[in-house]
PDB file of N, CA and C in Angstrom:
ATOM      1  N   MET A   1      -2.639   4.245 -12.902  1.00  0.00           N
ATOM      2  CA  MET A   1      -2.736   3.675 -11.587  1.00  0.00           C
ATOM      3  C   MET A   1      -4.133   3.911 -10.942  1.00  0.00           C
ATOM      4  N   LYS A   2      -4.566   3.100 -10.137  1.00  0.00           N
ATOM      5  CA  LYS A   2      -5.787   3.127  -9.367  1.00  0.00           C
ATOM      6  C   LYS A   2      -5.537   3.146  -7.956  1.00  0.00           C
ATOM      7  N   THR A   3      -6.420   3.848  -7.166  1.00  0.00           N
ATOM      8  CA  THR A   3      -6.262   3.947  -5.783  1.00  0.00           C
ATOM      9  C   THR A   3      -7.272   3.141  -5.027  1.00  0.00           C
ATOM     10  N   TYR A   4      -6.820   2.346  -4.088  1.00  0.00           N
ATOM     11  CA  TYR A   4      -7.631   1.434  -3.271  1.00  0.00           C
ATOM     12  C   TYR A   4      -7.495   1.853  -1.840  1.00  0.00           C
ATOM     13  N   LEU A   5      -8.549   1.707  -1.086  1.00  0.00           N
ATOM     14  CA  LEU A   5      -8.628   1.864   0.314  1.00  0.00           C
ATOM     15  C   LEU A   5      -8.677   0.598   0.942  1.00  0.00           C
ATOM     16  N   PHE A   6      -7.648   0.305   1.919  1.00  0.00           N
ATOM     17  CA  PHE A   6      -7.635  -0.989   2.652  1.00  0.00           C
ATOM     18  C   PHE A   6      -8.010  -0.747   4.073  1.00  0.00           C
ATOM     19  N   LEU A   7      -8.675  -1.640   4.544  1.00  0.00           N
ATOM     20  CA  LEU A   7      -9.030  -1.781   5.986  1.00  0.00           C
ATOM     21  C   LEU A   7      -8.531  -3.064   6.534  1.00  0.00           C
ATOM     22  N   VAL A   8      -8.182  -3.161   7.841  1.00  0.00           N
ATOM     23  CA  VAL A   8      -7.565  -4.289   8.425  1.00  0.00           C
ATOM     24  C   VAL A   8      -8.330  -4.619   9.803  1.00  0.00           C
ATOM     25  N   SER A   9      -8.612  -5.903  10.075  1.00  0.00           N
ATOM     26  CA  SER A   9      -9.132  -6.287  11.283  1.00  0.00           C
ATOM     27  C   SER A   9      -8.021  -6.682  12.222  1.00  0.00           C
ATOM     28  N   GLU A  10      -8.440  -6.943  13.556  1.00  0.00           N
ATOM     29  CA  GLU A  10      -7.508  -7.242  14.517  1.00  0.00           C
ATOM     30  C   GLU A  10      -6.798  -8.566  14.207  1.00  0.00           C
ATOM     31  N   ASP A  11      -7.401  -9.441  13.482  1.00  0.00           N
ATOM     32  CA  ASP A  11      -6.779 -10.788  13.159  1.00  0.00           C
ATOM     33  C   ASP A  11      -6.187 -10.664  11.757  1.00  0.00           C
ATOM     34  N   LYS A  12      -5.880  -9.438  11.217  1.00  0.00           N
ATOM     35  CA  LYS A  12      -5.112  -9.240  10.034  1.00  0.00           C
ATOM     36  C   LYS A  12      -5.801  -9.541   8.754  1.00  0.00           C
ATOM     37  N   VAL A  13      -7.123  -9.479   8.802  1.00  0.00           N
ATOM     38  CA  VAL A  13      -7.831  -9.689   7.508  1.00  0.00           C
ATOM     39  C   VAL A  13      -7.873  -8.359   6.785  1.00  0.00           C
ATOM     40  N   LEU A  14      -7.538  -8.421   5.548  1.00  0.00           N
ATOM     41  CA  LEU A  14      -7.556  -7.216   4.662  1.00  0.00           C
ATOM     42  C   LEU A  14      -8.680  -7.179   3.762  1.00  0.00           C
ATOM     43  N   ILE A  15      -9.325  -6.037   3.767  1.00  0.00           N
ATOM     44  CA  ILE A  15     -10.420  -5.810   2.898  1.00  0.00           C
ATOM     45  C   ILE A  15     -10.214  -4.480   2.112  1.00  0.00           C
ATOM     46  N   HIS A  16     -10.586  -4.421   0.737  1.00  0.00           N
ATOM     47  CA  HIS A  16     -10.315  -3.204  -0.024  1.00  0.00           C
ATOM     48  C   HIS A  16     -11.650  -2.730  -0.362  1.00  0.00           C
ATOM     49  N   LEU A  17     -11.646  -1.351  -0.547  1.00  0.00           N
ATOM     50  CA  LEU A  17     -12.883  -0.629  -0.985  1.00  0.00           C
ATOM     51  C   LEU A  17     -12.327   0.278  -2.131  1.00  0.00           C
ATOM     52  N   ASP A  18     -13.229   0.557  -3.103  1.00  0.00           N
ATOM     53  CA  ASP A  18     -12.910   1.450  -4.109  1.00  0.00           C
ATOM     54  C   ASP A  18     -13.322   2.887  -3.667  1.00  0.00           C
ATOM     55  N   PRO A  19     -12.360   3.805  -3.568  1.00  0.00           N
ATOM     56  CA  PRO A  19     -12.650   5.207  -3.140  1.00  0.00           C
ATOM     57  C   PRO A  19     -13.583   5.949  -4.032  1.00  0.00           C
ATOM     58  N   ASN A  20     -13.694   5.573  -5.193  1.00  0.00           N
ATOM     59  CA  ASN A  20     -14.627   6.210  -6.143  1.00  0.00           C
ATOM     60  C   ASN A  20     -15.976   5.768  -6.023  1.00  0.00           C
ATOM     61  N   SER A  21     -16.301   4.720  -5.236  1.00  0.00           N
ATOM     62  CA  SER A  21     -17.592   4.170  -5.134  1.00  0.00           C
ATOM     63  C   SER A  21     -18.603   5.183  -4.465  1.00  0.00           C
ATOM     64  N   ASP A  22     -19.837   5.155  -4.951  1.00  0.00           N
ATOM     65  CA  ASP A  22     -20.818   5.986  -4.427  1.00  0.00           C
ATOM     66  C   ASP A  22     -21.230   5.597  -2.993  1.00  0.00           C
ATOM     67  N   THR A  23     -20.981   4.286  -2.667  1.00  0.00           N
ATOM     68  CA  THR A  23     -21.363   3.757  -1.375  1.00  0.00           C
ATOM     69  C   THR A  23     -20.146   3.699  -0.399  1.00  0.00           C
ATOM     70  N   LEU A  24     -19.068   4.369  -0.788  1.00  0.00           N
ATOM     71  CA  LEU A  24     -17.865   4.152   0.076  1.00  0.00           C
ATOM     72  C   LEU A  24     -18.041   4.465   1.555  1.00  0.00           C
ATOM     73  N   LEU A  25     -18.624   5.607   1.868  1.00  0.00           N
ATOM     74  CA  LEU A  25     -18.813   5.985   3.271  1.00  0.00           C
ATOM     75  C   LEU A  25     -19.678   4.959   3.973  1.00  0.00           C
ATOM     76  N   ALA A  26     -20.743   4.458   3.428  1.00  0.00           N
ATOM     77  CA  ALA A  26     -21.578   3.506   4.190  1.00  0.00           C
ATOM     78  C   ALA A  26     -20.774   2.187   4.291  1.00  0.00           C
ATOM     79  N   GLU A  27     -20.080   1.766   3.252  1.00  0.00           N
ATOM     80  CA  GLU A  27     -19.294   0.496   3.419  1.00  0.00           C
ATOM     81  C   GLU A  27     -18.242   0.651   4.542  1.00  0.00           C
ATOM     82  N   LYS A  28     -17.470   1.741   4.449  1.00  0.00           N
ATOM     83  CA  LYS A  28     -16.450   1.984   5.454  1.00  0.00           C
ATOM     84  C   LYS A  28     -17.036   2.020   6.845  1.00  0.00           C
ATOM     85  N   GLU A  29     -18.047   2.738   7.107  1.00  0.00           N
ATOM     86  CA  GLU A  29     -18.702   2.830   8.441  1.00  0.00           C
ATOM     87  C   GLU A  29     -19.138   1.424   8.908  1.00  0.00           C
ATOM     88  N   GLN A  30     -19.724   0.652   8.041  1.00  0.00           N
ATOM     89  CA  GLN A  30     -20.205  -0.666   8.443  1.00  0.00           C
ATOM     90  C   GLN A  30     -18.966  -1.513   8.800  1.00  0.00           C
ATOM     91  N   LEU A  31     -17.865  -1.436   8.067  1.00  0.00           N
ATOM     92  CA  LEU A  31     -16.635  -2.234   8.366  1.00  0.00           C
ATOM     93  C   LEU A  31     -16.042  -1.781   9.703  1.00  0.00           C
ATOM     94  N   VAL A  32     -15.964  -0.429   9.903  1.00  0.00           N
ATOM     95  CA  VAL A  32     -15.478   0.111  11.143  1.00  0.00           C
ATOM     96  C   VAL A  32     -16.274  -0.375  12.358  1.00  0.00           C
ATOM     97  N   SER A  33     -17.582  -0.406  12.106  1.00  0.00           N
ATOM     98  CA  SER A  33     -18.489  -0.869  13.214  1.00  0.00           C
ATOM     99  C   SER A  33     -18.225  -2.370  13.526  1.00  0.00           C
ATOM    100  N   GLN A  34     -17.630  -3.084  12.566  1.00  0.00           N
ATOM    101  CA  GLN A  34     -17.355  -4.530  12.711  1.00  0.00           C
ATOM    102  C   GLN A  34     -15.970  -4.783  13.285  1.00  0.00           C
ATOM    103  N   GLY A  35     -15.244  -3.622  13.599  1.00  0.00           N
ATOM    104  CA  GLY A  35     -13.883  -3.727  14.284  1.00  0.00           C
ATOM    105  C   GLY A  35     -12.823  -3.555  13.260  1.00  0.00           C
ATOM    106  N   PHE A  36     -13.122  -3.246  12.029  1.00  0.00           N
ATOM    107  CA  PHE A  36     -11.890  -2.956  11.091  1.00  0.00           C
ATOM    108  C   PHE A  36     -11.412  -1.556  11.292  1.00  0.00           C
ATOM    109  N   GLU A  37     -10.133  -1.327  10.996  1.00  0.00           N
ATOM    110  CA  GLU A  37      -9.407  -0.019  11.034  1.00  0.00           C
ATOM    111  C   GLU A  37      -8.980   0.356   9.573  1.00  0.00           C
ATOM    112  N   VAL A  38      -9.036   1.635   9.336  1.00  0.00           N
ATOM    113  CA  VAL A  38      -8.493   2.103   8.137  1.00  0.00           C
ATOM    114  C   VAL A  38      -6.961   1.909   8.105  1.00  0.00           C
ATOM    115  N   LEU A  39      -6.446   1.153   7.132  1.00  0.00           N
ATOM    116  CA  LEU A  39      -4.971   0.945   7.054  1.00  0.00           C
ATOM    117  C   LEU A  39      -4.280   1.890   6.176  1.00  0.00           C
ATOM    118  N   ASP A  40      -4.713   2.098   4.878  1.00  0.00           N
ATOM    119  CA  ASP A  40      -4.040   3.090   3.977  1.00  0.00           C
ATOM    120  C   ASP A  40      -4.788   3.203   2.710  1.00  0.00           C
ATOM    121  N   TYR A  41      -4.453   4.251   2.050  1.00  0.00           N
ATOM    122  CA  TYR A  41      -4.912   4.349   0.651  1.00  0.00           C
ATOM    123  C   TYR A  41      -3.633   4.006  -0.155  1.00  0.00           C
ATOM    124  N   ILE A  42      -3.771   3.034  -1.126  1.00  0.00           N
ATOM    125  CA  ILE A  42      -2.645   2.518  -1.789  1.00  0.00           C
ATOM    126  C   ILE A  42      -2.874   2.725  -3.343  1.00  0.00           C
ATOM    127  N   ALA A  43      -1.909   3.370  -3.976  1.00  0.00           N
ATOM    128  CA  ALA A  43      -2.066   3.529  -5.475  1.00  0.00           C
ATOM    129  C   ALA A  43      -1.180   2.346  -6.039  1.00  0.00           C
ATOM    130  N   ALA A  44      -1.798   1.585  -7.018  1.00  0.00           N
ATOM    131  CA  ALA A  44      -1.191   0.533  -7.661  1.00  0.00           C
ATOM    132  C   ALA A  44      -1.688   0.300  -8.972  1.00  0.00           C
ATOM    133  N   GLU A  45      -0.922  -0.482  -9.780  1.00  0.00           N
ATOM    134  CA  GLU A  45      -1.314  -0.836 -11.163  1.00  0.00           C
ATOM    135  C   GLU A  45      -2.565  -1.684 -11.167  1.00  0.00           C
ATOM    136  N   ASN A  46      -2.694  -2.557 -10.174  1.00  0.00           N
ATOM    137  CA  ASN A  46      -3.895  -3.440 -10.154  1.00  0.00           C
ATOM    138  C   ASN A  46      -4.048  -3.867  -8.722  1.00  0.00           C
ATOM    139  N   LEU A  47      -5.178  -4.630  -8.489  1.00  0.00           N
ATOM    140  CA  LEU A  47      -5.603  -4.980  -7.162  1.00  0.00           C
ATOM    141  C   LEU A  47      -4.651  -5.956  -6.471  1.00  0.00           C
ATOM    142  N   GLU A  48      -4.100  -6.855  -7.301  1.00  0.00           N
ATOM    143  CA  GLU A  48      -3.068  -7.792  -6.722  1.00  0.00           C
ATOM    144  C   GLU A  48      -1.794  -7.061  -6.155  1.00  0.00           C
ATOM    145  N   ALA A  49      -1.333  -6.063  -6.960  1.00  0.00           N
ATOM    146  CA  ALA A  49      -0.088  -5.365  -6.476  1.00  0.00           C
ATOM    147  C   ALA A  49      -0.445  -4.491  -5.281  1.00  0.00           C
ATOM    148  N   ALA A  50      -1.693  -4.032  -5.203  1.00  0.00           N
ATOM    149  CA  ALA A  50      -2.182  -3.211  -4.049  1.00  0.00           C
ATOM    150  C   ALA A  50      -2.238  -4.077  -2.681  1.00  0.00           C
ATOM    151  N   TYR A  51      -2.677  -5.363  -2.916  1.00  0.00           N
ATOM    152  CA  TYR A  51      -2.727  -6.238  -1.800  1.00  0.00           C
ATOM    153  C   TYR A  51      -1.307  -6.577  -1.289  1.00  0.00           C
ATOM    154  N   GLU A  52      -0.395  -6.717  -2.228  1.00  0.00           N
ATOM    155  CA  GLU A  52       1.087  -7.033  -1.808  1.00  0.00           C
ATOM    156  C   GLU A  52       1.573  -5.816  -0.970  1.00  0.00           C
ATOM    157  N   MET A  53       1.299  -4.651  -1.455  1.00  0.00           N
ATOM    158  CA  MET A  53       1.711  -3.365  -0.685  1.00  0.00           C
ATOM    159  C   MET A  53       1.028  -3.456   0.642  1.00  0.00           C
ATOM    160  N   ALA A  54      -0.158  -3.666   0.663  1.00  0.00           N
ATOM    161  CA  ALA A  54      -0.907  -3.667   1.983  1.00  0.00           C
ATOM    162  C   ALA A  54      -0.480  -4.648   2.997  1.00  0.00           C
ATOM    163  N   LYS A  55       0.048  -5.855   2.497  1.00  0.00           N
ATOM    164  CA  LYS A  55       0.554  -6.828   3.373  1.00  0.00           C
ATOM    165  C   LYS A  55       1.788  -6.463   4.038  1.00  0.00           C
ATOM    166  N   GLN A  56       2.563  -5.527   3.364  1.00  0.00           N
ATOM    167  CA  GLN A  56       3.845  -5.070   3.974  1.00  0.00           C
ATOM    168  C   GLN A  56       3.816  -3.618   4.111  1.00  0.00           C
ATOM    169  N   PRO A  57       3.001  -3.019   5.040  1.00  0.00           N
ATOM    170  CA  PRO A  57       2.756  -1.574   5.108  1.00  0.00           C
ATOM    171  C   PRO A  57       4.015  -0.808   5.370  1.00  0.00           C
ATOM    172  N   ASN A  58       4.947  -1.292   6.158  1.00  0.00           N
ATOM    173  CA  ASN A  58       6.185  -0.564   6.446  1.00  0.00           C
ATOM    174  C   ASN A  58       7.092  -0.486   5.187  1.00  0.00           C
ATOM    175  N   LEU A  59       7.155  -1.464   4.357  1.00  0.00           N
ATOM    176  CA  LEU A  59       7.876  -1.491   3.148  1.00  0.00           C
ATOM    177  C   LEU A  59       7.249  -0.513   2.258  1.00  0.00           C
ATOM    178  N   HIS A  60       5.904  -0.490   2.138  1.00  0.00           N
ATOM    179  CA  HIS A  60       5.274   0.443   1.339  1.00  0.00           C
ATOM    180  C   HIS A  60       5.469   1.899   1.656  1.00  0.00           C
ATOM    181  N   ALA A  61       5.595   2.193   2.936  1.00  0.00           N
ATOM    182  CA  ALA A  61       5.840   3.587   3.419  1.00  0.00           C
ATOM    183  C   ALA A  61       7.280   3.995   3.016  1.00  0.00           C
ATOM    184  N   VAL A  62       8.277   2.995   3.219  1.00  0.00           N
ATOM    185  CA  VAL A  62       9.671   3.325   2.815  1.00  0.00           C
ATOM    186  C   VAL A  62       9.696   3.554   1.270  1.00  0.00           C
ATOM    187  N   GLU A  63       9.036   2.726   0.554  1.00  0.00           N
ATOM    188  CA  GLU A  63       9.064   2.929  -0.882  1.00  0.00           C
ATOM    189  C   GLU A  63       8.475   4.269  -1.264  1.00  0.00           C
ATOM    190  N   GLN A  64       7.386   4.723  -0.734  1.00  0.00           N
ATOM    191  CA  GLN A  64       6.722   5.964  -1.017  1.00  0.00           C
ATOM    192  C   GLN A  64       7.688   7.170  -0.646  1.00  0.00           C
ATOM    193  N   TYR A  65       8.355   6.991   0.534  1.00  0.00           N
ATOM    194  CA  TYR A  65       9.220   8.082   0.922  1.00  0.00           C
ATOM    195  C   TYR A  65      10.387   8.207   0.071  1.00  0.00           C
ATOM    196  N   THR A  66      11.010   6.980  -0.311  1.00  0.00           N
ATOM    197  CA  THR A  66      12.179   6.960  -1.224  1.00  0.00           C
ATOM    198  C   THR A  66      11.772   7.630  -2.584  1.00  0.00           C
ATOM    199  N   GLN A  67      10.625   7.341  -3.115  1.00  0.00           N
ATOM    200  CA  GLN A  67      10.185   7.933  -4.417  1.00  0.00           C
ATOM    201  C   GLN A  67       9.948   9.427  -4.286  1.00  0.00           C
ATOM    202  N   SER A  68       9.644   9.956  -3.092  1.00  0.00           N
ATOM    203  CA  SER A  68       9.342  11.297  -2.994  1.00  0.00           C
ATOM    204  C   SER A  68      10.605  12.097  -2.695  1.00  0.00           C
ATOM    205  N   ASN A  69      11.613  11.445  -2.173  1.00  0.00           N
ATOM    206  CA  ASN A  69      12.818  12.155  -1.790  1.00  0.00           C
ATOM    207  C   ASN A  69      13.924  11.744  -2.796  1.00  0.00           C
ATOM    208  N   PHE A  70      14.379  12.692  -3.650  1.00  0.00           N
ATOM    209  CA  PHE A  70      15.271  12.457  -4.774  1.00  0.00           C
ATOM    210  C   PHE A  70      16.607  11.851  -4.306  1.00  0.00           C
ATOM    211  N   PHE A  71      17.233  12.298  -3.252  1.00  0.00           N
ATOM    212  CA  PHE A  71      18.458  11.785  -2.666  1.00  0.00           C
ATOM    213  C   PHE A  71      18.281  10.355  -2.308  1.00  0.00           C
ATOM    214  N   CYS A  72      17.253  10.008  -1.637  1.00  0.00           N
ATOM    215  CA  CYS A  72      17.042   8.631  -1.240  1.00  0.00           C
ATOM    216  C   CYS A  72      16.760   7.807  -2.332  1.00  0.00           C
ATOM    217  N   TYR A  73      16.095   8.312  -3.405  1.00  0.00           N
ATOM    218  CA  TYR A  73      15.797   7.558  -4.633  1.00  0.00           C
ATOM    219  C   TYR A  73      17.068   7.156  -5.326  1.00  0.00           C
ATOM    220  N   ILE A  74      17.957   8.173  -5.400  1.00  0.00           N
ATOM    221  CA  ILE A  74      19.299   7.781  -6.140  1.00  0.00           C
ATOM    222  C   ILE A  74      20.019   6.816  -5.384  1.00  0.00           C
ATOM    223  N   VAL A  75      20.109   6.887  -4.010  1.00  0.00           N
ATOM    224  CA  VAL A  75      20.899   5.986  -3.253  1.00  0.00           C
ATOM    225  C   VAL A  75      20.258   4.577  -3.334  1.00  0.00           C
ATOM    226  N   ASP A  76      18.997   4.496  -3.246  1.00  0.00           N
ATOM    227  CA  ASP A  76      18.211   3.221  -3.379  1.00  0.00           C
ATOM    228  C   ASP A  76      18.520   2.618  -4.803  1.00  0.00           C
ATOM    229  N   ALA A  77      18.488   3.396  -5.786  1.00  0.00           N
ATOM    230  CA  ALA A  77      18.798   2.954  -7.162  1.00  0.00           C
ATOM    231  C   ALA A  77      20.140   2.335  -7.254  1.00  0.00           C
ATOM    232  N   LEU A  78      21.158   2.991  -6.615  1.00  0.00           N
ATOM    233  CA  LEU A  78      22.484   2.564  -6.661  1.00  0.00           C
ATOM    234  C   LEU A  78      22.683   1.298  -5.939  1.00  0.00           C
ATOM    235  N   VAL A  79      22.003   1.205  -4.787  1.00  0.00           N
ATOM    236  CA  VAL A  79      22.143   0.011  -3.922  1.00  0.00           C
ATOM    237  C   VAL A  79      21.489  -1.168  -4.711  1.00  0.00           C
ATOM    238  N   SER A  80      20.367  -0.976  -5.295  1.00  0.00           N
ATOM    239  CA  SER A  80      19.710  -2.078  -6.085  1.00  0.00           C
ATOM    240  C   SER A  80      20.620  -2.446  -7.227  1.00  0.00           C
ATOM    241  N   LEU A  81      21.235  -1.530  -7.932  1.00  0.00           N
ATOM    242  CA  LEU A  81      22.204  -1.810  -9.032  1.00  0.00           C
ATOM    243  C   LEU A  81      23.266  -2.602  -8.564  1.00  0.00           C
ATOM    244  N   LEU A  82      24.002  -2.248  -7.492  1.00  0.00           N
ATOM    245  CA  LEU A  82      25.096  -2.926  -6.893  1.00  0.00           C
ATOM    246  C   LEU A  82      24.687  -4.398  -6.399  1.00  0.00           C
ATOM    247  N   ARG A  83      23.548  -4.555  -5.919  1.00  0.00           N
ATOM    248  CA  ARG A  83      23.012  -5.906  -5.491  1.00  0.00           C
ATOM    249  C   ARG A  83      22.892  -6.795  -6.674  1.00  0.00           C
ATOM    250  N   GLY A  84      22.332  -6.198  -7.766  1.00  0.00           N
ATOM    251  CA  GLY A  84      22.200  -6.932  -9.001  1.00  0.00           C
ATOM    252  C   GLY A  84      23.425  -7.327  -9.573  1.00  0.00           C
ATOM    253  N   LEU A  85      24.459  -6.429  -9.629  1.00  0.00           N
ATOM    254  CA  LEU A  85      25.797  -6.890 -10.083  1.00  0.00           C
ATOM    255  C   LEU A  85      26.371  -8.014  -9.192  1.00  0.00           C
ATOM    256  N   ARG A  86      26.204  -7.846  -7.898  1.00  0.00           N
ATOM    257  CA  ARG A  86      26.832  -8.782  -6.943  1.00  0.00           C
ATOM    258  C   ARG A  86      26.378 -10.154  -7.139  1.00  0.00           C
ATOM    259  N   TYR A  87      25.040 -10.335  -7.518  1.00  0.00           N
ATOM    260  CA  TYR A  87      24.439 -11.680  -7.596  1.00  0.00           C
ATOM    261  C   TYR A  87      24.436 -12.196  -9.002  1.00  0.00           C
ATOM    262  N   SER A  88      24.902 -11.434 -10.025  1.00  0.00           N
ATOM    263  CA  SER A  88      24.897 -11.957 -11.357  1.00  0.00           C
ATOM    264  C   SER A  88      26.232 -12.543 -11.757  1.00  0.00           C
TER     265      SER A  88
END
């Protein structure tokens, strides 16, 4: 997995930066001065998956919480399984 830093503007334009870049701080300061706000650091398999997570930040937060809380993870897995059985 790779980590991406996402910034968002008032009109919902998403921009990503590589947190491992040597110029990260300068790029981030430049974008913040242009009105962008830091949205989130997102770990994903690829950039496309990271953009999908960034477009739905609330869903991303719920997924992260579910993965970190074992009880919620089990309940979510059971609900997904039951939904799959229901529609098949």
